[in-house]
Amino acid sequence: MTSQLAAALQTGSVWFRVAAISGATAVGLSAYGAHGFKPKDPYYMEVFRRANNLHLVHSLLLAIAPSTKRPWLVGGLTLAGITLFSGTCYNIALREEKKWVQLAPMGGFALMAAWLALAL
């Protein structure tokens, strides 16, 4: 890891950009879910909505990561959680198959750990 990247992760400046990209992606996926996504089974629409809701909410946690004592920990756990939980749920919904379902709980635990990291 370069020293500039390490410094950015430590100070948290990179997390504002990550939050902006994550939030914009969540809003775009929300629009797709509302207007373009037509699963055969309504169960997958619920999975998509849950993924999108948690994706958008946790994009806000990414945005506050720079103001925490350990921005790299809060940001890293949040990004891992969004990727593992929401990413897995998006994949399940869009493919209409539960092949990778076991990854979602790991993402949920990462998101819980991110919130708890605020207390450190």
C-alpha atoms as a PDB file:
ATOM      1  CA  MET A   1       0.000   0.000   0.000  1.00  0.00           C
ATOM      2  CA  THR A   2       1.398   3.394  -0.907  1.00  0.00           C
ATOM      3  CA  SER A   3       1.976   5.906   1.833  1.00  0.00           C
ATOM      4  CA  GLN A   4      -0.531   8.313   0.243  1.00  0.00           C
ATOM      5  CA  LEU A   5      -3.255   5.673   0.194  1.00  0.00           C
ATOM      6  CA  ALA A   6      -2.432   4.644   3.747  1.00  0.00           C
ATOM      7  CA  ALA A   7      -2.653   8.287   4.862  1.00  0.00           C
ATOM      8  CA  ALA A   8      -5.979   8.761   3.063  1.00  0.00           C
ATOM      9  CA  LEU A   9      -7.420   5.667   4.742  1.00  0.00           C
ATOM     10  CA  GLN A  10      -6.171   6.785   8.150  1.00  0.00           C
ATOM     11  CA  THR A  11      -7.514  10.339   7.885  1.00  0.00           C
ATOM     12  CA  GLY A  12     -10.722   9.218   6.276  1.00  0.00           C
ATOM     13  CA  SER A  13     -10.686  11.542   3.261  1.00  0.00           C
ATOM     14  CA  VAL A  14     -11.197   8.654   0.856  1.00  0.00           C
ATOM     15  CA  TRP A  15     -14.394   7.566   2.620  1.00  0.00           C
ATOM     16  CA  PHE A  16     -16.353  10.649   1.446  1.00  0.00           C
ATOM     17  CA  ARG A  17     -15.707   9.615  -2.152  1.00  0.00           C
ATOM     18  CA  VAL A  18     -16.556   5.994  -1.452  1.00  0.00           C
ATOM     19  CA  ALA A  19     -19.787   7.130   0.253  1.00  0.00           C
ATOM     20  CA  ALA A  20     -20.710   9.321  -2.715  1.00  0.00           C
ATOM     21  CA  ILE A  21     -20.192   6.476  -5.184  1.00  0.00           C
ATOM     22  CA  SER A  22     -22.040   4.023  -2.946  1.00  0.00           C
ATOM     23  CA  GLY A  23     -24.972   6.386  -2.406  1.00  0.00           C
ATOM     24  CA  ALA A  24     -25.289   7.191  -6.107  1.00  0.00           C
ATOM     25  CA  THR A  25     -25.172   3.485  -6.922  1.00  0.00           C
ATOM     26  CA  ALA A  26     -27.870   2.771  -4.325  1.00  0.00           C
ATOM     27  CA  VAL A  27     -30.145   5.465  -5.778  1.00  0.00           C
ATOM     28  CA  GLY A  28     -29.585   4.165  -9.310  1.00  0.00           C
ATOM     29  CA  LEU A  29     -30.362   0.618  -8.237  1.00  0.00           C
ATOM     30  CA  SER A  30     -33.462   1.881  -6.434  1.00  0.00           C
ATOM     31  CA  ALA A  31     -34.701   3.419  -9.680  1.00  0.00           C
ATOM     32  CA  TYR A  32     -34.008   0.176 -11.513  1.00  0.00           C
ATOM     33  CA  GLY A  33     -35.830  -1.775  -8.808  1.00  0.00           C
ATOM     34  CA  ALA A  34     -38.851   0.514  -9.023  1.00  0.00           C
ATOM     35  CA  HIS A  35     -39.086   0.788 -12.807  1.00  0.00           C
ATOM     36  CA  GLY A  36     -37.161  -1.975 -14.543  1.00  0.00           C
ATOM     37  CA  PHE A  37     -36.785  -5.014 -12.329  1.00  0.00           C
ATOM     38  CA  LYS A  38     -39.590  -7.502 -12.955  1.00  0.00           C
ATOM     39  CA  PRO A  39     -38.783 -10.807 -11.245  1.00  0.00           C
ATOM     40  CA  LYS A  40     -40.979 -13.826 -11.892  1.00  0.00           C
ATOM     41  CA  ASP A  41     -41.251 -14.519  -8.167  1.00  0.00           C
ATOM     42  CA  PRO A  42     -42.221 -11.570  -5.876  1.00  0.00           C
ATOM     43  CA  TYR A  43     -39.862 -12.951  -3.226  1.00  0.00           C
ATOM     44  CA  TYR A  44     -36.929 -11.663  -5.257  1.00  0.00           C
ATOM     45  CA  MET A  45     -38.361  -8.148  -5.351  1.00  0.00           C
ATOM     46  CA  GLU A  46     -38.410  -8.176  -1.542  1.00  0.00           C
ATOM     47  CA  VAL A  47     -34.800  -9.384  -1.470  1.00  0.00           C
ATOM     48  CA  PHE A  48     -33.840  -6.588  -3.883  1.00  0.00           C
ATOM     49  CA  ARG A  49     -35.626  -3.950  -1.786  1.00  0.00           C
ATOM     50  CA  ARG A  50     -33.976  -5.145   1.431  1.00  0.00           C
ATOM     51  CA  ALA A  51     -30.562  -5.031  -0.236  1.00  0.00           C
ATOM     52  CA  ASN A  52     -31.219  -1.560  -1.558  1.00  0.00           C
ATOM     53  CA  ASN A  53     -32.539  -0.207   1.735  1.00  0.00           C
ATOM     54  CA  LEU A  54     -29.503  -1.382   3.693  1.00  0.00           C
ATOM     55  CA  HIS A  55     -27.172  -0.249   0.899  1.00  0.00           C
ATOM     56  CA  LEU A  56     -28.541   3.300   1.019  1.00  0.00           C
ATOM     57  CA  VAL A  57     -28.610   3.518   4.835  1.00  0.00           C
ATOM     58  CA  HIS A  58     -25.055   2.258   5.145  1.00  0.00           C
ATOM     59  CA  SER A  59     -23.828   4.660   2.472  1.00  0.00           C
ATOM     60  CA  LEU A  60     -24.604   7.310   5.095  1.00  0.00           C
ATOM     61  CA  LEU A  61     -22.451   5.448   7.607  1.00  0.00           C
ATOM     62  CA  LEU A  62     -19.625   5.561   5.057  1.00  0.00           C
ATOM     63  CA  ALA A  63     -20.122   9.330   4.836  1.00  0.00           C
ATOM     64  CA  ILE A  64     -19.619   9.785   8.578  1.00  0.00           C
ATOM     65  CA  ALA A  65     -16.639   7.417   8.741  1.00  0.00           C
ATOM     66  CA  PRO A  66     -14.141  10.301   8.305  1.00  0.00           C
ATOM     67  CA  SER A  67     -15.416  11.958  11.479  1.00  0.00           C
ATOM     68  CA  THR A  68     -14.825   8.859  13.630  1.00  0.00           C
ATOM     69  CA  LYS A  69     -11.754   7.989  15.673  1.00  0.00           C
ATOM     70  CA  ARG A  70     -10.970   5.043  13.390  1.00  0.00           C
ATOM     71  CA  PRO A  71     -12.224   5.934   9.904  1.00  0.00           C
ATOM     72  CA  TRP A  72     -10.416   3.031   8.245  1.00  0.00           C
ATOM     73  CA  LEU A  73     -12.129   0.550  10.584  1.00  0.00           C
ATOM     74  CA  VAL A  74     -15.635   2.013  10.312  1.00  0.00           C
ATOM     75  CA  GLY A  75     -15.300   2.587   6.572  1.00  0.00           C
ATOM     76  CA  GLY A  76     -13.697  -0.764   5.847  1.00  0.00           C
ATOM     77  CA  LEU A  77     -16.249  -2.755   7.807  1.00  0.00           C
ATOM     78  CA  THR A  78     -19.114  -0.783   6.270  1.00  0.00           C
ATOM     79  CA  LEU A  79     -17.836  -1.248   2.735  1.00  0.00           C
ATOM     80  CA  ALA A  80     -17.263  -4.960   3.338  1.00  0.00           C
ATOM     81  CA  GLY A  81     -20.756  -5.256   4.813  1.00  0.00           C
ATOM     82  CA  ILE A  82     -22.436  -3.448   1.924  1.00  0.00           C
ATOM     83  CA  THR A  83     -20.549  -5.567  -0.576  1.00  0.00           C
ATOM     84  CA  LEU A  84     -21.211  -8.878   1.147  1.00  0.00           C
ATOM     85  CA  PHE A  85     -24.788  -8.263   2.292  1.00  0.00           C
ATOM     86  CA  SER A  86     -26.317  -5.996  -0.330  1.00  0.00           C
ATOM     87  CA  GLY A  87     -24.145  -7.319  -3.143  1.00  0.00           C
ATOM     88  CA  THR A  88     -25.153 -10.879  -2.356  1.00  0.00           C
ATOM     89  CA  CYS A  89     -28.830  -9.967  -2.075  1.00  0.00           C
ATOM     90  CA  TYR A  90     -28.725  -8.013  -5.367  1.00  0.00           C
ATOM     91  CA  ASN A  91     -27.118 -11.043  -7.006  1.00  0.00           C
ATOM     92  CA  ILE A  92     -29.734 -13.398  -5.562  1.00  0.00           C
ATOM     93  CA  ALA A  93     -32.589 -11.146  -6.686  1.00  0.00           C
ATOM     94  CA  LEU A  94     -31.299 -10.384 -10.174  1.00  0.00           C
ATOM     95  CA  ARG A  95     -30.363 -13.984 -10.958  1.00  0.00           C
ATOM     96  CA  GLU A  96     -33.396 -15.359  -9.107  1.00  0.00           C
ATOM     97  CA  GLU A  97     -31.248 -18.038  -7.521  1.00  0.00           C
ATOM     98  CA  LYS A  98     -29.980 -18.516  -3.993  1.00  0.00           C
ATOM     99  CA  LYS A  99     -26.538 -19.841  -4.917  1.00  0.00           C
ATOM    100  CA  TRP A 100     -24.472 -17.399  -2.809  1.00  0.00           C
ATOM    101  CA  VAL A 101     -26.931 -16.886   0.060  1.00  0.00           C
ATOM    102  CA  GLN A 102     -24.359 -17.948   2.690  1.00  0.00           C
ATOM    103  CA  LEU A 103     -22.361 -14.725   2.107  1.00  0.00           C
ATOM    104  CA  ALA A 104     -25.167 -12.400   3.229  1.00  0.00           C
ATOM    105  CA  PRO A 105     -24.884 -13.138   6.979  1.00  0.00           C
ATOM    106  CA  MET A 106     -21.164 -12.323   6.851  1.00  0.00           C
ATOM    107  CA  GLY A 107     -22.079  -8.953   5.412  1.00  0.00           C
ATOM    108  CA  GLY A 108     -24.655  -8.447   8.136  1.00  0.00           C
ATOM    109  CA  PHE A 109     -22.060  -9.160  10.808  1.00  0.00           C
ATOM    110  CA  ALA A 110     -19.643  -6.714   9.151  1.00  0.00           C
ATOM    111  CA  LEU A 111     -22.347  -4.017   9.199  1.00  0.00           C
ATOM    112  CA  MET A 112     -23.060  -4.654  12.887  1.00  0.00           C
ATOM    113  CA  ALA A 113     -19.329  -4.508  13.609  1.00  0.00           C
ATOM    114  CA  ALA A 114     -19.102  -1.194  11.740  1.00  0.00           C
ATOM    115  CA  TRP A 115     -21.766   0.330  13.979  1.00  0.00           C
ATOM    116  CA  LEU A 116     -20.034  -1.040  17.067  1.00  0.00           C
ATOM    117  CA  ALA A 117     -16.721   0.385  15.817  1.00  0.00           C
ATOM    118  CA  LEU A 118     -18.227   3.853  16.291  1.00  0.00           C
ATOM    119  CA  ALA A 119     -17.958   3.232  20.038  1.00  0.00           C
ATOM    120  CA  LEU A 120     -14.193   2.635  19.880  1.00  0.00           C
END
